[in-house]
Amino acid sequence: MGLSKHGNNFTKMLPVGFVGEAYSALLRFFGSVVAGAVAGVARFHFKDESLQHSRCPCPHGRKPIQRISPPLRIAVGYAALAGLWIVLSDYIALGSATDAQTLSRFGFFKGLAFVTVTSVTLYLLLRRWYGVQQRLHQRAKEALQSLEESEQRLVDAQSLAHVGSWHVVFGRTEAEDRWIISDELRHMFGKAIDFRMTTESSFVQMLPRDQVYARECWAAAKRGEGPFEWEYRILVDGRTRWLRVVARFQFDADGRAVSASGTDQDITERKEVEQELLIAATAFETQEAMFITDAHRTIVKTNKAFTEITGFSAEEAIGSNPSLLSSGRHNDIFYQTMWAEIDRNNCWRGEIWNRRKNGEVYPEWLSITKVTSDDGVVTNYVAAFSDISQRKQAEETIYSLAFYDTLTGLPNRKLLRDRLQQSLLLGMRTGHCGAVLFIDLDDFKSLNDTQGHAAGDALLIEVA
């Protein structure tokens, strides 16, 4: 009652038109304040909240008002402005209305204005909220699509590189360990897509010897001692596969392993290539001399037997042409024919005379093979040879024993018969005649009987 009386006394001092205009201005002002305040709070809530959180992750760095949750700030702000609106509008209404009808009409328009301003504010707030939700939904959809594409690229990369990934969270016992593995790792172990890895199942497919080694490495890694990468073999569909594991362990403050992540890579092909290279390297270092040239016939590699036979060290031979070994016994036509056959048949085999570093000429059995790439381009030549000096000497000895007399060195009957046969054929073909001279030693038997076989052999050598 005091407020109403005070208001009436106050309004009697002012013109009625002035009071009405002041009331309208205050109505518009407070309506704009309510709408702007609520919209501003909503804008701050939906647009700037995440930014403030990212800029100031620590709650102690915020202002006191920022420690209040956004919904509570909106509610408190709205209640304060609405209460202020009601108090001021009632004060003005009581001070300007002269009768009950005017007061009623004023209250009607005041309520209508309040509902209108609140509705507009709610519409703006909901529209902004809906827009934010739409954008968040679109961003979440794009992020999910990007994540799926990244996961697919990871799966493709693991498949191409033959790498499987895994993560394990350790429990109190190995049976309580929780494993997460990639599809590629299941494929490498020959398991179905729904296979669930356990710590024990990660060892059972290993070969017995590798299983013991892998368990020791795993236990040492869990203790933080390492190694954190090792190789092992597993049996998949009757075939042995080599895998290389690289692991990283996470430990708590007490040094106890809490989890581990890692990859297993299928290195079977690499191991097979290494084995083939080992065999090739072993075969290269044999008693047979070998050297390799590039496409321009420059020596790039030799073995120990090459040095033993030729006398040239690897340092002396590498970078040189094989003509370094030429003896001079073969002319250019011989070498041109040899290389023509290599180009035609990809290889050549035959006997050749070469020269050692000390100048000694020796015979060797040489084999040259041409190496080409997949597109037929020559990349290397591989030559293998052996010293056949002893074999040649043995052949000469056998030939001498077969066709010459060991005492006099003259041709024996077998060689005589061979030469007579050749002469007869030549005479028949050319029409020429030939003659045979027969020499006999008289009383040779008496000399052997009286003087001994040594005297007879001496006589034969002298006559020869």
Protein backbone atom coordinates (compact mmCIF):
# COMPACT_ATOMS: atom_id res chain seq x y z
CA MET A 1 0.00 0.00 0.00
CA GLY A 2 2.89 2.27 0.73
CA LEU A 3 4.31 1.70 -2.72
CA SER A 4 0.97 2.44 -4.40
CA LYS A 5 0.44 5.65 -2.47
CA HIS A 6 3.93 6.79 -3.18
CA GLY A 7 3.46 6.02 -6.83
CA ASN A 8 0.21 8.00 -7.02
CA ASN A 9 1.79 11.01 -5.39
CA PHE A 10 4.74 10.75 -7.79
CA THR A 11 2.63 10.54 -10.95
CA LYS A 12 0.46 13.47 -9.94
CA MET A 13 3.59 15.58 -10.23
CA LEU A 14 4.18 14.52 -13.90
CA PRO A 15 2.06 14.94 -17.02
CA VAL A 16 0.07 11.90 -18.07
CA GLY A 17 1.58 11.85 -21.65
CA PHE A 18 5.06 11.91 -20.26
CA VAL A 19 4.33 8.95 -17.98
CA GLY A 20 2.91 6.92 -20.89
CA GLU A 21 5.90 7.63 -23.13
CA ALA A 22 8.29 6.76 -20.30
CA TYR A 23 6.45 3.54 -19.70
CA SER A 24 6.64 2.57 -23.40
CA ALA A 25 10.35 3.37 -23.54
CA LEU A 26 11.02 1.32 -20.43
CA LEU A 27 8.96 -1.54 -21.85
CA ARG A 28 10.98 -1.61 -25.06
CA PHE A 29 14.22 -1.18 -23.20
CA PHE A 30 13.70 -4.01 -20.73
CA GLY A 31 12.34 -6.25 -23.48
CA SER A 32 15.50 -5.69 -25.51
CA VAL A 33 17.61 -6.26 -22.41
CA VAL A 34 15.91 -9.60 -21.72
CA ALA A 35 16.24 -10.81 -25.31
CA GLY A 36 19.79 -9.59 -25.71
CA ALA A 37 20.90 -10.98 -22.37
CA VAL A 38 19.46 -14.43 -22.95
CA ALA A 39 20.74 -14.55 -26.54
CA GLY A 40 24.15 -13.36 -25.39
CA VAL A 41 24.31 -15.99 -22.69
CA ALA A 42 23.26 -18.63 -25.20
CA ARG A 43 25.90 -17.44 -27.69
CA PHE A 44 28.53 -17.58 -24.99
CA HIS A 45 27.40 -21.05 -23.98
CA PHE A 46 27.28 -22.68 -27.41
CA LYS A 47 30.09 -20.84 -29.19
CA ASP A 48 32.75 -19.95 -26.67
CA GLU A 49 32.53 -22.61 -23.98
CA SER A 50 34.69 -25.18 -25.79
CA LEU A 51 37.20 -22.50 -26.70
CA GLN A 52 37.49 -21.38 -23.08
CA HIS A 53 37.95 -24.95 -21.95
CA SER A 54 40.73 -25.51 -24.50
CA ARG A 55 42.45 -22.26 -23.61
CA CYS A 56 42.22 -22.77 -19.86
CA PRO A 57 42.14 -26.45 -19.00
CA CYS A 58 42.91 -25.71 -15.37
CA PRO A 59 39.78 -24.61 -13.40
CA HIS A 60 41.92 -22.48 -11.07
CA GLY A 61 42.73 -20.13 -13.96
CA ARG A 62 39.05 -19.19 -14.59
CA LYS A 63 37.17 -16.18 -13.29
CA PRO A 64 34.69 -16.88 -10.47
CA ILE A 65 31.65 -16.48 -12.76
CA GLN A 66 33.13 -18.97 -15.25
CA ARG A 67 33.17 -21.65 -12.58
CA ILE A 68 29.33 -21.70 -12.68
CA SER A 69 27.89 -24.08 -15.26
CA PRO A 70 26.40 -22.40 -18.40
CA PRO A 71 22.80 -23.70 -17.78
CA LEU A 72 22.87 -22.28 -14.25
CA ARG A 73 24.19 -18.93 -15.52
CA ILE A 74 21.37 -18.78 -18.07
CA ALA A 75 18.74 -19.60 -15.44
CA VAL A 76 20.09 -17.06 -12.91
CA GLY A 77 20.38 -14.34 -15.55
CA TYR A 78 16.90 -14.99 -16.84
CA ALA A 79 15.37 -14.98 -13.31
CA ALA A 80 17.13 -11.71 -12.44
CA LEU A 81 16.03 -9.90 -15.60
CA ALA A 82 12.48 -11.29 -15.41
CA GLY A 83 12.19 -10.24 -11.77
CA LEU A 84 13.50 -6.78 -12.57
CA TRP A 85 11.00 -6.56 -15.42
CA ILE A 86 8.07 -7.45 -13.15
CA VAL A 87 9.07 -5.09 -10.35
CA LEU A 88 9.68 -2.07 -12.59
CA SER A 89 6.65 -2.66 -14.78
CA ASP A 90 4.40 -2.95 -11.69
CA TYR A 91 5.92 0.18 -10.23
CA ILE A 92 5.26 2.13 -13.41
CA ALA A 93 1.78 0.65 -13.77
CA LEU A 94 0.77 1.64 -10.24
CA GLY A 95 2.18 5.07 -10.71
CA SER A 96 0.55 5.83 -14.09
CA ALA A 97 -2.83 4.05 -13.93
CA THR A 98 -5.77 6.20 -12.67
CA ASP A 99 -8.43 3.55 -12.50
CA ALA A 100 -8.86 -0.24 -12.42
CA GLN A 101 -9.71 -0.48 -16.12
CA THR A 102 -6.50 1.25 -17.17
CA LEU A 103 -4.49 -0.88 -14.74
CA SER A 104 -6.06 -4.04 -16.15
CA ARG A 105 -5.37 -2.98 -19.72
CA PHE A 106 -1.82 -2.07 -18.77
CA GLY A 107 -1.31 -5.51 -17.18
CA PHE A 108 -2.66 -7.20 -20.31
CA PHE A 109 -0.26 -5.40 -22.62
CA LYS A 110 2.57 -5.91 -20.16
CA GLY A 111 1.97 -9.68 -20.11
CA LEU A 112 1.55 -9.77 -23.90
CA ALA A 113 4.84 -7.92 -24.33
CA PHE A 114 6.56 -10.25 -21.85
CA VAL A 115 5.30 -13.36 -23.64
CA THR A 116 6.29 -11.89 -27.02
CA VAL A 117 9.80 -11.00 -25.90
CA THR A 118 10.23 -14.37 -24.17
CA SER A 119 8.94 -16.25 -27.21
CA VAL A 120 11.24 -14.37 -29.57
CA THR A 121 14.15 -14.96 -27.24
CA LEU A 122 13.29 -18.64 -26.93
CA TYR A 123 12.99 -18.89 -30.72
CA LEU A 124 16.41 -17.28 -31.23
CA LEU A 125 17.89 -19.49 -28.55
CA LEU A 126 16.40 -22.69 -29.98
CA ARG A 127 17.35 -21.74 -33.52
CA ARG A 128 20.92 -21.16 -32.45
CA TRP A 129 20.89 -24.38 -30.44
CA TYR A 130 19.47 -26.32 -33.38
CA GLY A 131 22.08 -24.80 -35.72
CA VAL A 132 24.83 -25.75 -33.30
CA GLN A 133 23.43 -29.27 -33.05
CA GLN A 134 23.31 -29.55 -36.85
CA ARG A 135 26.89 -28.40 -37.18
CA LEU A 136 28.03 -30.71 -34.41
CA HIS A 137 26.17 -33.59 -36.05
CA GLN A 138 27.78 -32.80 -39.41
CA ARG A 139 31.21 -32.50 -37.85
CA ALA A 140 30.71 -35.77 -35.96
CA LYS A 141 29.59 -37.43 -39.19
CA GLU A 142 32.62 -36.11 -41.06
CA ALA A 143 34.93 -37.10 -38.21
CA LEU A 144 33.44 -40.60 -38.15
CA GLN A 145 33.83 -40.92 -41.91
CA SER A 146 37.42 -39.67 -41.70
CA LEU A 147 38.11 -42.14 -38.89
CA GLU A 148 36.67 -45.01 -40.93
CA GLU A 149 38.78 -43.99 -43.92
CA SER A 150 41.88 -43.77 -41.72
CA GLU A 151 41.16 -47.20 -40.25
CA GLN A 152 40.72 -48.64 -43.74
CA ARG A 153 43.99 -47.07 -44.88
CA LEU A 154 45.68 -48.56 -41.82
CA VAL A 155 44.22 -51.99 -42.61
CA ASP A 156 45.39 -51.72 -46.23
CA ALA A 157 48.84 -50.56 -45.15
CA GLN A 158 49.16 -53.44 -42.68
CA SER A 159 48.06 -55.91 -45.34
CA LEU A 160 50.57 -54.59 -47.87
CA ALA A 161 53.42 -54.51 -45.35
CA HIS A 162 52.37 -57.83 -43.72
CA VAL A 163 52.29 -56.11 -40.33
CA GLY A 164 49.77 -56.92 -37.61
CA SER A 165 49.25 -54.73 -34.53
CA TRP A 166 48.20 -55.62 -31.00
CA HIS A 167 47.57 -54.09 -27.58
CA VAL A 168 47.30 -55.89 -24.24
CA VAL A 169 46.26 -54.70 -20.81
CA PHE A 170 47.79 -56.92 -18.13
CA GLY A 171 45.67 -58.46 -15.42
CA ARG A 172 46.67 -60.09 -12.18
CA THR A 173 47.30 -63.33 -14.11
CA GLU A 174 47.94 -64.10 -17.79
CA ALA A 175 44.41 -65.48 -18.04
CA GLU A 176 43.06 -62.02 -17.12
CA ASP A 177 45.11 -60.20 -19.77
CA ARG A 178 42.88 -58.35 -22.27
CA TRP A 179 44.10 -58.44 -25.87
CA ILE A 180 43.10 -56.34 -28.88
CA ILE A 181 44.57 -57.47 -32.21
CA SER A 182 44.21 -56.38 -35.83
CA ASP A 183 42.65 -58.46 -38.58
CA GLU A 184 46.01 -58.74 -40.32
CA LEU A 185 47.54 -60.37 -37.23
CA ARG A 186 44.68 -62.90 -37.23
CA HIS A 187 45.38 -63.58 -40.89
CA MET A 188 49.10 -64.12 -40.24
CA PHE A 189 48.27 -66.66 -37.54
CA GLY A 190 45.73 -68.34 -39.83
CA LYS A 191 42.83 -67.55 -37.50
CA ALA A 192 39.19 -66.62 -38.15
CA ILE A 193 37.99 -63.03 -37.92
CA ASP A 194 36.35 -63.69 -34.53
CA PHE A 195 39.47 -65.23 -32.98
CA ARG A 196 40.24 -63.88 -29.50
CA MET A 197 43.92 -63.67 -28.63
CA THR A 198 45.21 -64.65 -25.21
CA THR A 199 48.71 -64.56 -23.81
CA GLU A 200 48.95 -68.34 -23.94
CA SER A 201 47.58 -68.63 -27.49
CA SER A 202 50.24 -66.20 -28.69
CA PHE A 203 52.87 -68.83 -27.86
CA VAL A 204 51.27 -72.17 -28.70
CA GLN A 205 51.74 -71.90 -32.48
CA MET A 206 55.47 -71.22 -32.17
CA LEU A 207 58.03 -73.92 -32.85
CA PRO A 208 59.12 -75.46 -29.52
CA ARG A 209 62.60 -73.95 -29.56
CA ASP A 210 61.31 -70.49 -30.48
CA GLN A 211 58.52 -70.75 -27.90
CA VAL A 212 61.03 -71.03 -25.05
CA TYR A 213 63.02 -68.08 -26.39
CA ALA A 214 59.90 -65.92 -26.93
CA ARG A 215 58.63 -66.59 -23.39
CA GLU A 216 61.98 -65.54 -21.97
CA CYS A 217 61.97 -62.33 -24.04
CA TRP A 218 58.36 -61.57 -23.05
CA ALA A 219 59.09 -62.05 -19.34
CA ALA A 220 62.23 -59.91 -19.53
CA ALA A 221 60.34 -57.16 -21.37
CA LYS A 222 57.60 -57.12 -18.73
CA ARG A 223 60.30 -56.58 -16.13
CA GLY A 224 61.61 -53.67 -18.20
CA GLU A 225 64.87 -55.44 -18.98
CA GLY A 226 64.33 -56.04 -22.70
CA PRO A 227 64.85 -57.03 -25.44
CA PHE A 228 61.77 -55.32 -26.83
CA GLU A 229 62.02 -56.94 -30.26
CA TRP A 230 62.74 -60.50 -31.33
CA GLU A 231 62.06 -63.01 -34.09
CA TYR A 232 60.26 -66.33 -33.94
CA ARG A 233 58.68 -69.00 -36.14
CA ILE A 234 55.10 -70.23 -36.20
CA LEU A 235 53.43 -73.10 -38.01
CA VAL A 236 50.46 -72.10 -40.21
CA ASP A 237 48.77 -74.69 -42.43
CA GLY A 238 51.85 -76.87 -42.37
CA ARG A 239 54.16 -74.05 -43.45
CA THR A 240 56.73 -72.32 -41.27
CA ARG A 241 56.48 -68.54 -41.12
CA TRP A 242 58.97 -66.09 -39.65
CA LEU A 243 57.61 -63.18 -37.60
CA ARG A 244 59.41 -60.21 -36.06
CA VAL A 245 57.80 -58.56 -33.04
CA VAL A 246 58.48 -55.01 -31.84
CA ALA A 247 56.91 -54.14 -28.46
CA ARG A 248 56.58 -51.14 -26.19
CA PHE A 249 55.61 -51.60 -22.53
CA GLN A 250 53.99 -49.10 -20.17
CA PHE A 251 54.83 -49.26 -16.46
CA ASP A 252 53.24 -47.76 -13.35
CA ALA A 253 55.03 -45.86 -10.60
CA ASP A 254 56.07 -49.13 -8.96
CA GLY A 255 57.70 -50.39 -12.17
CA ARG A 256 54.98 -52.96 -12.83
CA ALA A 257 53.95 -53.46 -16.46
CA VAL A 258 50.35 -52.34 -16.93
CA SER A 259 50.00 -52.59 -20.71
CA ALA A 260 51.93 -53.16 -23.92
CA SER A 261 51.54 -52.35 -27.59
CA GLY A 262 53.40 -53.68 -30.56
CA THR A 263 53.50 -55.07 -34.07
CA ASP A 264 54.27 -58.44 -35.61
CA GLN A 265 55.69 -58.40 -39.15
CA ASP A 266 55.79 -61.40 -41.48
CA ILE A 267 59.45 -61.61 -42.57
CA THR A 268 59.24 -65.05 -44.19
CA GLU A 269 60.20 -63.79 -47.64
CA ARG A 270 63.14 -61.84 -46.22
CA LYS A 271 64.38 -64.93 -44.37
CA GLU A 272 64.08 -67.03 -47.53
CA VAL A 273 66.05 -64.45 -49.48
CA GLU A 274 68.69 -64.34 -46.74
CA GLN A 275 68.96 -68.12 -46.87
CA GLU A 276 69.34 -68.06 -50.64
CA LEU A 277 72.00 -65.36 -50.36
CA LEU A 278 73.82 -67.41 -47.74
CA ILE A 279 73.78 -70.45 -50.03
CA ALA A 280 74.94 -68.32 -52.95
CA ALA A 281 77.74 -66.80 -50.86
CA THR A 282 78.83 -70.28 -49.72
CA ALA A 283 78.73 -71.56 -53.28
CA PHE A 284 80.70 -68.52 -54.44
CA GLU A 285 83.53 -69.30 -52.06
CA THR A 286 84.34 -72.73 -53.49
CA GLN A 287 87.57 -74.24 -54.84
CA GLU A 288 86.49 -73.13 -58.30
CA ALA A 289 87.68 -69.63 -59.15
CA MET A 290 84.93 -67.11 -59.91
CA PHE A 291 84.66 -63.48 -60.85
CA ILE A 292 81.71 -61.25 -61.71
CA THR A 293 81.70 -58.34 -64.13
CA ASP A 294 79.17 -55.62 -64.81
CA ALA A 295 77.45 -55.11 -68.14
CA HIS A 296 80.58 -53.35 -69.45
CA ARG A 297 82.74 -56.40 -68.60
CA THR A 298 84.52 -54.72 -65.71
CA ILE A 299 85.35 -57.01 -62.81
CA VAL A 300 83.32 -56.12 -59.69
CA LYS A 301 83.84 -59.17 -57.46
CA THR A 302 86.19 -62.14 -57.10
CA ASN A 303 86.50 -65.04 -54.68
CA LYS A 304 89.48 -66.51 -52.84
CA ALA A 305 90.06 -69.27 -55.39
CA PHE A 306 90.49 -66.60 -58.07
CA THR A 307 93.43 -65.15 -56.14
CA GLU A 308 94.88 -68.59 -55.46
CA ILE A 309 94.85 -69.59 -59.14
CA THR A 310 95.72 -66.31 -60.87
CA GLY A 311 97.87 -64.65 -58.21
CA PHE A 312 95.88 -61.39 -58.53
CA SER A 313 94.28 -60.09 -55.33
CA ALA A 314 90.72 -58.81 -55.27
CA GLU A 315 91.96 -55.21 -55.02
CA GLU A 316 94.12 -55.68 -58.13
CA ALA A 317 91.42 -57.37 -60.19
CA ILE A 318 88.35 -55.29 -59.29
CA GLY A 319 87.91 -52.45 -61.75
CA SER A 320 89.95 -54.20 -64.45
CA ASN A 321 88.91 -55.97 -67.64
CA PRO A 322 89.19 -59.79 -67.81
CA SER A 323 91.82 -59.25 -70.51
CA LEU A 324 94.10 -58.85 -67.50
CA LEU A 325 94.40 -62.64 -67.65
CA SER A 326 94.96 -62.96 -71.40
CA SER A 327 97.85 -65.23 -72.38
CA GLY A 328 98.19 -64.03 -75.98
CA ARG A 329 97.70 -67.54 -77.38
CA HIS A 330 94.23 -66.76 -78.74
CA ASN A 331 93.57 -64.29 -81.52
CA ASP A 332 90.75 -61.77 -81.82
CA ILE A 333 88.59 -64.15 -83.85
CA PHE A 334 88.57 -66.61 -80.95
CA TYR A 335 87.26 -64.00 -78.51
CA GLN A 336 84.74 -62.58 -81.00
CA THR A 337 83.34 -66.06 -81.54
CA MET A 338 83.19 -66.68 -77.79
CA TRP A 339 81.25 -63.45 -77.03
CA ALA A 340 78.95 -64.00 -79.99
CA GLU A 341 77.96 -67.37 -78.53
CA ILE A 342 77.43 -65.79 -75.10
CA ASP A 343 75.11 -63.17 -76.61
CA ARG A 344 73.26 -65.87 -78.54
CA ASN A 345 73.03 -68.67 -75.97
CA ASN A 346 73.60 -66.72 -72.72
CA CYS A 347 76.62 -68.90 -71.87
CA TRP A 348 79.91 -70.33 -73.16
CA ARG A 349 82.05 -73.23 -71.97
CA GLY A 350 85.42 -74.28 -73.19
CA GLU A 351 89.16 -74.61 -72.73
CA ILE A 352 91.26 -71.48 -72.76
CA TRP A 353 94.83 -70.51 -71.98
CA ASN A 354 95.36 -67.67 -69.52
CA ARG A 355 98.33 -66.08 -67.77
CA ARG A 356 99.00 -65.85 -64.03
CA LYS A 357 100.35 -62.74 -62.34
CA ASN A 358 103.88 -64.26 -62.39
CA GLY A 359 103.68 -64.66 -66.19
CA GLU A 360 103.10 -68.43 -66.20
CA VAL A 361 100.68 -69.56 -68.91
CA TYR A 362 98.28 -72.28 -67.86
CA PRO A 363 95.21 -74.01 -69.29
CA GLU A 364 91.83 -73.57 -67.65
CA TRP A 365 88.28 -74.74 -68.15
CA LEU A 366 86.14 -71.61 -68.36
CA SER A 367 82.38 -71.12 -68.10
CA ILE A 368 80.81 -67.68 -68.70
CA THR A 369 77.10 -66.99 -68.03
CA LYS A 370 75.20 -63.85 -68.95
CA VAL A 371 72.86 -62.39 -66.30
CA THR A 372 69.89 -60.33 -67.51
CA SER A 373 67.07 -58.43 -65.80
CA ASP A 374 63.37 -59.18 -66.24
CA ASP A 375 63.22 -56.91 -69.27
CA GLY A 376 66.18 -58.63 -70.93
CA VAL A 377 68.85 -56.01 -70.18
CA VAL A 378 72.31 -57.39 -69.44
CA THR A 379 73.35 -56.63 -65.86
CA ASN A 380 76.34 -58.91 -65.20
CA TYR A 381 78.54 -61.71 -66.44
CA VAL A 382 79.56 -64.55 -64.13
CA ALA A 383 82.73 -66.49 -64.98
CA ALA A 384 83.85 -69.69 -63.26
CA PHE A 385 87.08 -71.47 -64.13
CA SER A 386 89.46 -74.10 -62.84
CA ASP A 387 93.13 -74.78 -63.45
CA ILE A 388 93.40 -77.91 -65.63
CA SER A 389 97.20 -78.01 -65.84
CA GLN A 390 97.39 -81.35 -64.03
CA ARG A 391 94.63 -82.77 -66.17
CA LYS A 392 96.44 -81.68 -69.31
CA GLN A 393 99.63 -83.26 -68.08
CA ALA A 394 97.79 -86.48 -67.32
CA GLU A 395 96.23 -86.45 -70.77
CA GLU A 396 99.63 -85.96 -72.37
CA THR A 397 101.06 -88.82 -70.29
CA ILE A 398 98.22 -91.13 -71.27
CA TYR A 399 98.59 -90.17 -74.92
CA SER A 400 102.34 -90.74 -74.78
CA LEU A 401 101.91 -94.14 -73.19
CA ALA A 402 99.30 -95.08 -75.73
CA PHE A 403 101.12 -94.02 -78.90
CA TYR A 404 104.87 -93.80 -78.09
CA ASP A 405 107.52 -96.19 -76.89
CA THR A 406 108.53 -95.37 -73.37
CA LEU A 407 112.20 -96.21 -73.96
CA THR A 408 112.98 -94.52 -77.25
CA GLY A 409 110.15 -92.03 -77.49
CA LEU A 410 109.38 -93.27 -80.99
CA PRO A 411 105.82 -93.94 -82.19
CA ASN A 412 104.68 -97.44 -81.30
CA ARG A 413 102.79 -99.92 -83.41
CA LYS A 414 99.41 -98.38 -82.54
CA LEU A 415 100.45 -94.96 -83.73
CA LEU A 416 102.17 -96.52 -86.77
CA ARG A 417 98.99 -98.33 -87.68
CA ASP A 418 96.98 -95.09 -87.23
CA ARG A 419 99.38 -93.10 -89.44
CA LEU A 420 99.47 -95.86 -92.12
CA GLN A 421 95.69 -95.87 -92.20
CA GLN A 422 95.61 -92.10 -92.67
CA SER A 423 98.27 -92.32 -95.44
CA LEU A 424 96.31 -95.02 -97.28
CA LEU A 425 93.13 -92.96 -97.16
CA LEU A 426 95.01 -89.90 -98.36
CA GLY A 427 96.59 -91.89 -101.21
CA MET A 428 93.23 -93.26 -102.28
CA ARG A 429 91.74 -89.79 -102.30
CA THR A 430 94.62 -88.04 -104.09
CA GLY A 431 95.95 -90.94 -106.22
CA HIS A 432 99.46 -90.62 -104.79
CA CYS A 433 101.60 -93.55 -103.65
CA GLY A 434 103.63 -94.01 -100.51
CA ALA A 435 106.50 -96.19 -99.25
CA VAL A 436 107.34 -97.90 -95.95
CA LEU A 437 110.91 -98.35 -94.78
CA PHE A 438 111.58 -101.27 -92.45
CA ILE A 439 114.84 -101.29 -90.47
CA ASP A 440 116.02 -104.39 -88.63
CA LEU A 441 118.89 -104.75 -86.17
CA ASP A 442 120.86 -107.98 -86.75
CA ASP A 443 121.97 -110.09 -83.81
CA PHE A 444 120.06 -107.84 -81.36
CA LYS A 445 118.92 -110.90 -79.44
CA SER A 446 122.54 -112.10 -79.06
CA LEU A 447 123.48 -108.65 -77.70
CA ASN A 448 120.72 -108.85 -75.08
CA ASP A 449 121.79 -112.38 -74.14
CA THR A 450 125.51 -111.68 -73.87
CA GLN A 451 125.64 -108.04 -72.73
CA GLY A 452 122.34 -107.77 -70.85
CA HIS A 453 119.13 -105.79 -71.42
CA ALA A 454 120.70 -102.55 -70.29
CA ALA A 455 123.15 -102.72 -73.22
CA GLY A 456 120.27 -103.57 -75.57
CA ASP A 457 118.22 -100.60 -74.32
CA ALA A 458 121.20 -98.29 -74.77
CA LEU A 459 121.63 -99.52 -78.36
CA LEU A 460 117.96 -98.88 -79.14
CA ILE A 461 118.14 -95.39 -77.70
CA GLU A 462 121.25 -94.65 -79.74
CA VAL A 463 119.68 -95.92 -82.93
CA ALA A 464 116.50 -93.93 -82.25
